[in-house]
Protein backbone atom coordinates (compact mmCIF):
# COMPACT_ATOMS: atom_id res chain seq x y z
CA MET A 1 121.90 124.09 133.38
CA ILE A 2 124.62 125.44 131.05
CA ASN A 3 123.57 128.67 129.37
CA ALA A 4 124.27 129.58 125.75
CA SER A 5 127.30 131.75 126.50
CA HIS A 6 128.88 128.98 128.53
CA ARG A 7 128.25 126.49 125.71
CA THR A 8 129.97 128.86 123.28
CA LEU A 9 132.96 129.10 125.63
CA ILE A 10 133.11 125.33 126.04
CA ALA A 11 132.97 124.85 122.27
CA ALA A 12 135.80 127.34 121.81
CA VAL A 13 137.92 125.60 124.44
CA LEU A 14 137.32 122.22 122.76
CA MET A 15 138.41 123.62 119.40
CA MET A 16 141.64 124.91 120.94
CA THR A 17 142.30 121.69 122.85
CA PRO A 18 144.28 118.94 121.11
CA VAL A 19 142.18 115.85 120.46
CA SER A 20 144.65 113.69 122.39
CA ALA A 21 144.25 115.86 125.48
CA TYR A 22 140.46 115.89 125.11
CA THR A 23 140.13 112.11 124.82
CA GLN A 24 142.36 111.61 127.85
CA SER A 25 139.73 113.50 129.89
CA VAL A 26 136.88 111.32 128.63
CA PRO A 27 136.76 107.88 130.27
CA ARG A 28 137.17 104.83 128.04
CA ASP A 29 135.71 102.08 130.25
CA TRP A 30 133.94 102.54 133.56
CA VAL A 31 131.03 101.49 135.75
CA ASP A 32 128.34 104.11 136.25
CA PRO A 33 128.29 104.62 140.04
CA ALA A 34 124.58 105.53 139.95
CA THR A 35 123.46 102.38 138.13
CA GLY A 36 126.18 99.71 138.43
CA HIS A 37 126.30 99.18 134.66
CA ARG A 38 129.50 99.14 132.61
CA ILE A 39 129.93 101.82 129.93
CA VAL A 40 132.51 101.73 127.14
CA ARG A 41 133.47 104.61 124.86
CA LEU A 42 133.65 103.15 121.34
CA SER A 43 134.86 106.21 119.43
CA ASP A 44 138.28 107.85 119.66
CA GLU A 45 137.52 111.51 119.07
CA PRO A 46 134.78 114.13 119.41
CA GLY A 47 132.60 114.60 116.39
CA SER A 48 131.95 110.86 116.07
CA SER A 49 128.41 109.55 115.87
CA SER A 50 126.32 106.41 115.66
CA LEU A 51 123.24 106.30 113.45
CA TYR A 52 119.65 107.35 114.13
CA PHE A 53 117.92 104.90 116.45
CA ASN A 54 115.98 103.04 113.73
CA PHE A 55 118.76 102.95 111.09
CA ASN A 56 120.75 99.72 110.95
CA GLY A 57 124.42 100.22 111.79
CA TYR A 58 125.38 96.56 112.26
CA THR A 59 126.76 93.92 109.91
CA PRO A 60 124.41 90.95 109.31
CA GLN A 61 126.67 88.71 111.41
CA GLY A 62 126.42 91.14 114.34
CA ASP A 63 130.17 91.44 114.82
CA GLN A 64 130.76 95.03 113.66
CA LEU A 65 129.15 98.41 114.33
CA VAL A 66 129.65 101.11 111.70
CA ILE A 67 129.91 104.75 112.83
CA SER A 68 130.97 108.08 111.40
CA THR A 69 134.06 109.94 112.61
CA PRO A 70 135.62 113.26 111.63
CA LYS A 71 137.94 111.27 109.33
CA GLY A 72 135.25 109.22 107.55
CA ILE A 73 133.48 105.92 108.16
CA ALA A 74 134.78 103.44 110.73
CA LYS A 75 133.86 100.06 112.17
CA VAL A 76 133.92 98.93 115.79
CA ASP A 77 134.59 95.29 116.63
CA LEU A 78 131.82 94.51 119.11
CA LYS A 79 133.96 91.93 120.95
CA THR A 80 137.25 93.81 121.28
CA HIS A 81 135.91 97.38 120.76
CA LYS A 82 138.76 98.02 118.33
CA LEU A 83 138.04 100.97 116.01
CA THR A 84 139.20 100.78 112.37
CA THR A 85 138.63 103.24 109.56
CA ILE A 86 136.78 101.70 106.60
CA VAL A 87 136.83 104.70 104.26
CA ALA A 88 138.63 108.01 104.78
CA ILE A 89 136.53 110.85 103.33
CA ALA A 90 137.73 114.43 102.90
CA THR A 91 134.56 115.99 101.46
CA PRO A 92 131.21 116.47 103.27
CA PHE A 93 129.61 113.07 103.77
CA ARG A 94 126.85 111.26 105.64
CA LEU A 95 126.79 107.65 106.74
CA LEU A 96 123.41 106.27 105.68
CA PHE A 97 123.08 102.70 106.98
CA VAL A 98 124.48 99.16 106.80
CA GLY A 99 122.84 96.49 104.65
CA HIS A 100 120.77 93.68 106.17
CA ARG A 101 122.10 91.04 103.74
CA THR A 102 125.75 91.90 103.01
CA ARG A 103 128.62 93.46 104.92
CA THR A 104 128.14 96.79 103.16
CA ALA A 105 128.04 100.33 104.52
CA PHE A 106 126.21 102.92 102.44
CA TYR A 107 127.10 106.61 102.49
CA GLN A 108 126.74 109.78 100.45
CA THR A 109 129.13 112.61 99.59
CA GLN A 110 128.68 116.16 98.35
CA ALA A 111 130.80 119.00 97.00
CA ALA A 112 133.19 120.75 99.36
CA ASP A 113 130.63 123.44 100.19
CA GLY A 114 128.06 120.82 101.21
CA THR A 115 125.58 121.69 98.47
CA GLY A 116 124.47 120.27 95.15
CA ALA A 117 124.11 116.69 93.97
CA LYS A 118 124.69 113.76 96.30
CA THR A 119 126.62 110.68 95.25
CA ILE A 120 125.70 107.41 96.92
CA PHE A 121 128.44 104.84 97.54
CA ALA A 122 128.61 101.32 98.96
CA ALA A 123 131.70 100.27 100.91
CA ASP A 124 132.72 96.75 101.84
CA VAL A 125 133.07 96.77 105.63
CA ASP A 126 136.01 94.36 105.58
CA SER A 127 138.09 95.49 102.60
CA GLY A 128 137.07 99.14 102.38
CA LYS A 129 136.51 98.73 98.64
CA THR A 130 133.87 101.18 97.38
CA ARG A 131 131.52 101.34 94.43
CA LYS A 132 129.30 104.13 93.20
CA ILE A 133 125.57 103.42 93.17
CA ALA A 134 124.05 106.64 91.87
CA THR A 135 124.11 110.41 91.90
CA ILE A 136 120.89 112.17 92.82
CA GLU A 137 120.48 115.84 92.00
CA ARG A 138 118.00 116.45 94.80
CA GLY A 139 116.47 114.74 97.78
CA ASP A 140 117.66 112.55 100.64
CA ILE A 141 118.17 108.80 100.78
CA GLN A 142 116.71 107.44 104.04
CA THR A 143 116.46 103.64 103.87
CA ILE A 144 117.42 100.41 102.08
CA ASN A 145 115.30 97.29 101.71
CA SER A 146 116.06 93.91 103.21
CA ASP A 147 117.59 92.36 100.06
CA GLU A 148 119.57 95.55 99.29
CA THR A 149 118.05 95.99 95.83
CA LEU A 150 116.31 99.32 96.50
CA LEU A 151 117.15 102.50 98.32
CA ALA A 152 114.35 104.96 99.09
CA GLY A 153 114.20 108.64 99.89
CA VAL A 154 112.23 111.88 99.74
CA ASP A 155 112.44 114.98 97.57
CA THR A 156 110.90 118.44 97.74
CA ASP A 157 109.55 120.33 94.75
CA PRO A 158 112.56 122.35 93.50
CA ALA A 159 110.23 125.19 92.51
CA ALA A 160 109.09 125.64 96.11
CA ALA A 161 110.92 128.64 97.54
CA ASN A 162 109.50 128.95 101.03
CA GLY A 163 110.82 130.52 104.21
CA ALA A 164 109.72 127.45 106.17
CA LEU A 165 112.12 125.33 104.10
CA ALA A 166 115.06 127.63 104.82
CA VAL A 167 114.90 126.79 108.53
CA PHE A 168 115.39 123.10 107.82
CA GLN A 169 118.21 123.66 105.34
CA LYS A 170 120.43 125.07 108.10
CA ARG A 171 121.76 122.50 110.52
CA ASP A 172 123.51 122.89 113.85
CA ALA A 173 126.33 120.34 113.58
CA ARG A 174 126.70 120.18 117.37
CA PHE A 175 123.29 118.58 117.76
CA ASP A 176 122.65 117.08 114.29
CA GLN A 177 119.45 119.13 114.17
CA SER A 178 118.03 122.05 112.25
CA GLU A 179 118.43 125.45 113.91
CA TYR A 180 115.02 125.71 115.54
CA LYS A 181 114.75 129.27 116.80
CA ALA A 182 111.51 131.21 117.26
CA THR A 183 110.02 133.94 119.42
CA GLY A 184 106.76 133.91 121.33
CA ALA A 185 103.93 136.46 121.31
CA ASP A 186 105.86 138.49 123.88
CA GLY A 187 108.84 138.78 121.52
CA LYS A 188 111.07 136.64 123.75
CA PRO A 189 112.91 133.56 122.45
CA LEU A 190 111.00 130.33 122.97
CA PRO A 191 112.60 127.32 124.68
CA TYR A 192 114.15 124.89 122.22
CA ALA A 193 111.31 122.32 122.37
CA GLU A 194 108.60 124.94 121.79
CA ALA A 195 110.56 126.69 119.04
CA LYS A 196 110.88 123.34 117.28
CA GLU A 197 107.10 122.87 117.38
CA VAL A 198 106.55 126.34 115.90
CA ARG A 199 108.96 125.79 113.04
CA MET A 200 107.63 122.32 112.29
CA ASN A 201 104.09 123.70 112.17
CA GLU A 202 105.16 126.40 109.71
CA ARG A 203 106.75 123.76 107.51
CA LEU A 204 103.65 121.56 107.64
CA GLU A 205 101.26 124.39 106.82
CA ALA A 206 103.35 125.40 103.78
CA LYS A 207 101.96 122.28 102.02
CA ILE A 208 104.99 121.97 99.78
CA PRO A 209 104.72 119.28 97.07
CA MET A 210 106.92 116.28 97.85
CA GLU A 211 107.62 112.86 96.43
CA MET A 212 108.99 109.58 97.68
CA PHE A 213 111.29 107.69 95.34
CA THR A 214 113.36 104.55 95.04
CA VAL A 215 116.81 104.07 93.54
CA ASP A 216 117.78 100.71 92.06
CA ALA A 217 120.98 99.68 93.85
CA ARG A 218 122.22 97.87 90.72
CA THR A 219 121.39 100.34 87.96
CA GLY A 220 120.96 103.65 89.79
CA GLU A 221 117.53 104.12 88.21
CA LYS A 222 115.27 106.51 90.15
CA ARG A 223 111.49 105.93 90.30
CA VAL A 224 108.80 108.02 92.03
CA ILE A 225 106.49 105.89 94.21
CA HIS A 226 104.32 108.44 96.05
CA ARG A 227 103.44 112.13 95.78
CA ALA A 228 101.76 114.40 98.33
CA THR A 229 101.69 117.87 99.83
CA ASP A 230 101.97 116.23 103.24
CA TRP A 231 105.42 116.52 104.78
CA LEU A 232 106.88 113.09 103.94
CA ASN A 233 109.73 111.82 106.10
CA HIS A 234 111.27 108.96 108.08
CA LEU A 235 111.11 106.25 105.42
CA GLN A 236 111.85 102.76 106.73
CA PHE A 237 111.89 99.54 104.78
CA SER A 238 110.94 96.39 106.67
CA PRO A 239 114.06 94.49 107.81
CA THR A 240 112.58 91.26 106.39
CA ASP A 241 110.11 92.16 103.61
CA PRO A 242 111.82 93.95 100.67
CA LYS A 243 108.53 95.40 99.35
CA LEU A 244 107.12 96.79 102.61
CA LEU A 245 107.81 100.47 103.33
CA MET A 246 106.83 102.58 106.32
CA PHE A 247 106.89 106.37 106.26
CA CYS A 248 105.54 109.28 108.25
CA HIS A 249 103.64 112.51 107.85
CA GLU A 250 105.94 114.93 109.66
CA GLY A 251 104.81 117.96 111.66
CA PRO A 252 103.41 118.63 115.15
CA TRP A 253 102.30 115.16 116.13
CA HIS A 254 98.89 116.19 117.45
CA LYS A 255 97.99 117.62 114.00
CA VAL A 256 99.07 114.77 111.74
CA ASP A 257 98.28 111.12 111.17
CA ARG A 258 101.92 110.18 111.39
CA LEU A 259 102.35 106.44 110.76
CA TRP A 260 101.81 104.99 107.27
CA LEU A 261 102.57 101.69 105.58
CA MET A 262 102.64 100.86 101.86
CA ARG A 263 103.53 97.94 99.61
CA LEU A 264 105.69 98.59 96.58
CA ASP A 265 104.43 95.44 94.86
CA HIS A 266 100.84 96.74 95.05
CA PRO A 267 101.10 100.33 93.78
CA GLU A 268 97.36 100.44 93.18
CA THR A 269 96.70 100.11 96.93
CA PRO A 270 96.89 103.44 98.82
CA PRO A 271 99.07 103.70 101.94
CA VAL A 272 97.50 102.50 105.19
CA ASN A 273 97.23 104.73 108.26
CA LEU A 274 98.55 102.66 111.17
CA HIS A 275 97.18 104.66 114.10
CA GLN A 276 93.79 106.35 114.44
CA ARG A 277 93.56 109.15 116.98
CA THR A 278 90.73 108.71 119.54
CA MET A 279 91.19 111.86 121.64
CA ASN A 280 92.28 115.44 121.12
CA MET A 281 96.05 115.95 121.60
CA GLU A 282 96.76 112.23 121.28
CA ILE A 283 100.15 111.76 119.62
CA ALA A 284 102.06 108.86 118.09
CA GLY A 285 105.51 108.72 116.51
CA HIS A 286 109.20 107.76 116.56
CA GLU A 287 108.22 104.43 115.06
CA TRP A 288 110.42 101.44 114.30
CA PHE A 289 110.22 97.86 113.02
CA ALA A 290 110.93 94.97 115.35
CA GLN A 291 113.93 93.05 114.10
CA ASP A 292 111.79 90.13 112.95
CA GLY A 293 109.71 92.54 110.85
CA LYS A 294 106.44 91.40 112.43
CA THR A 295 105.64 94.38 114.65
CA ILE A 296 105.82 98.16 114.38
CA TRP A 297 106.43 99.89 117.71
CA TYR A 298 105.99 103.57 118.50
CA ASP A 299 105.75 106.24 121.19
CA LEU A 300 102.10 106.90 122.10
CA GLN A 301 100.77 109.60 124.44
CA THR A 302 97.11 109.89 125.48
CA PRO A 303 97.06 112.86 125.59
CA ARG A 304 100.33 114.57 124.72
CA GLY A 305 102.61 115.02 127.71
CA GLU A 306 100.29 113.31 130.21
CA ASP A 307 99.97 109.55 129.76
CA PHE A 308 102.80 107.54 128.20
CA TRP A 309 102.89 104.24 126.32
CA VAL A 310 104.98 102.19 123.93
CA ALA A 311 102.47 100.83 121.44
CA GLY A 312 102.76 97.89 119.07
CA TYR A 313 100.97 97.04 115.81
CA ASP A 314 101.10 93.47 114.47
CA ILE A 315 101.48 93.83 110.69
CA ALA A 316 99.92 90.47 109.82
CA THR A 317 96.90 90.52 112.15
CA GLY A 318 96.40 94.17 113.11
CA ALA A 319 96.52 93.21 116.80
CA ARG A 320 97.61 96.01 119.12
CA THR A 321 99.61 96.09 122.33
CA ARG A 322 100.31 98.99 124.70
CA TYR A 323 102.86 99.11 127.52
CA HIS A 324 102.45 101.89 130.04
CA LEU A 325 105.36 103.82 131.56
CA GLN A 326 105.90 106.69 133.99
CA ARG A 327 106.61 110.35 133.22
CA ASN A 328 110.29 110.18 134.16
CA GLU A 329 110.68 107.09 131.97
CA TRP A 330 109.44 108.71 128.76
CA SER A 331 112.25 108.78 126.21
CA VAL A 332 113.06 110.65 123.01
CA HIS A 333 113.44 107.25 121.36
CA PHE A 334 112.58 103.74 122.43
CA HIS A 335 114.00 100.54 120.93
CA SER A 336 113.43 96.79 121.25
CA ALA A 337 115.91 93.97 121.76
CA PRO A 338 116.37 91.57 118.82
CA ASP A 339 114.34 88.86 120.60
CA GLY A 340 111.69 91.37 121.72
CA SER A 341 112.08 90.44 125.39
CA VAL A 342 113.10 93.90 126.62
CA PHE A 343 113.06 97.51 125.44
CA SER A 344 115.27 100.55 125.91
CA GLY A 345 114.69 104.27 126.25
CA ASP A 346 117.20 107.11 126.07
CA GLY A 347 115.47 109.56 128.42
CA GLY A 348 114.72 113.24 128.01
CA ASP A 349 115.19 116.64 129.64
CA PRO A 350 112.63 118.78 131.53
CA GLU A 351 111.91 121.00 128.49
CA MET A 352 110.73 118.06 126.38
CA VAL A 353 107.19 116.79 125.93
CA ALA A 354 107.00 114.83 129.22
CA HIS A 355 108.48 117.70 131.27
CA ALA A 356 110.08 114.98 133.35
CA PRO A 357 111.75 116.28 136.53
CA ASP A 358 114.15 113.31 136.62
CA GLY A 359 114.21 111.88 133.10
CA LYS A 360 117.87 112.15 132.08
CA TRP A 361 118.66 108.44 132.18
CA LEU A 362 119.16 105.66 129.69
CA TYR A 363 116.70 102.91 130.63
CA LEU A 364 116.10 99.20 130.25
CA PHE A 365 112.41 98.27 130.24
CA THR A 366 110.89 94.85 130.93
CA PRO A 367 107.35 94.46 129.53
CA HIS A 368 104.53 92.85 131.52
CA GLY A 369 101.10 91.93 130.20
CA ILE A 370 97.92 92.41 132.21
CA PRO A 371 95.97 89.13 132.24
CA ASP A 372 92.23 88.61 132.46
CA VAL A 373 90.97 88.31 136.03
CA ALA A 374 90.68 84.67 137.09
CA GLY A 375 91.00 83.63 133.45
CA ILE A 376 87.57 85.10 132.65
CA HIS A 377 87.56 86.65 129.18
CA ALA A 378 85.37 89.55 128.12
CA PRO A 379 83.36 89.11 124.89
CA GLY A 380 85.55 90.09 121.97
CA ALA A 381 88.65 90.40 124.19
CA ALA A 382 90.91 89.02 121.48
CA SER A 383 90.10 91.98 119.25
CA LEU A 384 90.84 94.60 121.89
CA ILE A 385 94.15 96.30 122.70
CA LYS A 386 96.38 94.10 124.88
CA PRO A 387 97.40 96.24 127.85
CA GLY A 388 100.61 96.03 129.83
CA TYR A 389 103.26 98.04 131.60
CA PHE A 390 107.02 98.47 131.80
CA THR A 391 109.22 98.07 134.82
CA ALA A 392 112.34 100.18 134.46
CA GLU A 393 116.00 99.81 135.31
CA LYS A 394 118.38 102.75 134.98
CA LEU A 395 121.48 101.99 132.91
CA VAL A 396 123.27 105.33 132.40
CA ASN A 397 123.11 108.61 134.28
CA MET A 398 122.65 111.14 131.44
CA ALA A 399 122.73 114.23 133.69
CA GLY A 400 125.52 115.73 131.57
CA GLN A 401 123.66 115.27 128.28
CA ASP A 402 122.45 118.26 126.29
CA TYR A 403 119.35 116.64 124.81
CA ARG A 404 119.37 118.84 121.75
CA LEU A 405 121.64 115.98 120.66
CA GLU A 406 119.39 112.93 120.72
CA PRO A 407 121.17 109.84 122.16
CA ASN A 408 119.53 107.42 119.69
CA GLY A 409 119.96 104.34 121.87
CA ASN A 410 119.64 100.95 120.16
CA PHE A 411 120.42 97.33 121.00
CA THR A 412 123.37 95.45 119.55
CA PRO A 413 122.45 92.32 117.55
CA ASN A 414 123.14 90.01 120.51
CA GLY A 415 121.01 92.16 122.80
CA LYS A 416 123.78 92.45 125.39
CA TRP A 417 124.66 96.11 124.86
CA ILE A 418 122.89 99.35 124.00
CA VAL A 419 124.81 101.76 121.76
CA PHE A 420 124.19 105.49 122.06
CA ARG A 421 125.81 108.80 121.25
CA SER A 422 126.35 111.45 123.88
CA ASN A 423 127.84 114.86 124.58
CA MET A 424 127.94 114.30 128.33
CA TYR A 425 131.69 114.98 128.29
CA GLY A 426 131.55 117.83 125.78
CA GLY A 427 132.06 116.65 122.20
CA THR A 428 129.84 113.97 120.68
CA GLN A 429 131.16 110.44 121.14
CA VAL A 430 129.77 106.92 120.69
CA TYR A 431 129.27 104.75 123.77
CA ALA A 432 127.81 101.38 124.69
CA VAL A 433 126.31 100.30 128.02
CA GLU A 434 126.16 96.67 129.06
CA VAL A 435 122.63 95.45 129.74
CA ALA A 436 123.75 93.05 132.47
CA LYS A 437 124.79 94.77 135.66
CA SER A 438 128.52 94.74 136.40
CA ARG A 439 129.59 92.40 139.17
């Protein structure tokens, strides 16, 4: 385990080391000796990053991956792995996502000091040509719908001056996270995972008024669609239904009903809670849409830190599926292949919720259903949860990963690779591991 002083020293050495020398020490293409799977580094320099696990970073044709680099926004050819800058950006910026319909990357910029209004742009992935969509004075854009007509985001009441908010306004760029620091009852600093829970609980209990809004991608018009004093976050439009929006109630997962679904074309209908807790300390979260838009998958624990599942909710029928997995296989984020045949997980460290003694791996999971015995069906079986389990294959040894930076593993559109970001060699880089074992 690297302590804080050593991390500071390493960071200082990296800043003094020329990028060319640094990248020479980071392998470009190799086979993980522990797993037999090929890994390719897709980025050229530290400080590069792929998107959050449930944000789309791929062109509709599946040929290009869009990432951020210290220089701006770049694309990676998924056949040749060639990296090309799309837009060079000198001011603070954030890559948002890639459209589901057109070859367009969306991003936002801010003033040089990283504060104030945010301007949203769309960039053609092939030509690099950009157009301005809108400027928003406050809030964060988090998602775009399937026909690219609406962007959606969240905003906090500007009159709310609260100490709990200040924690989340400061970000540690090394880990793309807020600076979660807190002390326990004994006055000693809490471990990162526990400090995060404390700060998130403070933010939840502040009950700060928030709103969800949309921005018309053609006109820039902003419209409020939902208000609450719940902590609203993680907006996701369906990848296939332009009027279906998922969002979460953020906070310690065992205190909140996290998963919610709403239709923008039926504003009179209140949002639907997708998961009902049945035991104390049951938690659900880190949700995502299957690529076909038919199922919502999420991390489920019954109870927290003890029994682990990936759970599915069929949007059309309400049918539910649960796949069981082992403690060491729990992952910060799970993801599903485009055809739904396999899943991935990006592992976790011993401080995290599973307290896994050997969980620092990137995994491939194959789902298996549990059939009725001898074909004999229980009364009402079709309405019950469909149980199953995962069998796991290790893809990447993540022993060098500082999990304060979440890997955010996700499948490429052809399902043959899993893209992830990692600091296992120091600075953050973007990698891909081949699902098929190297021969």
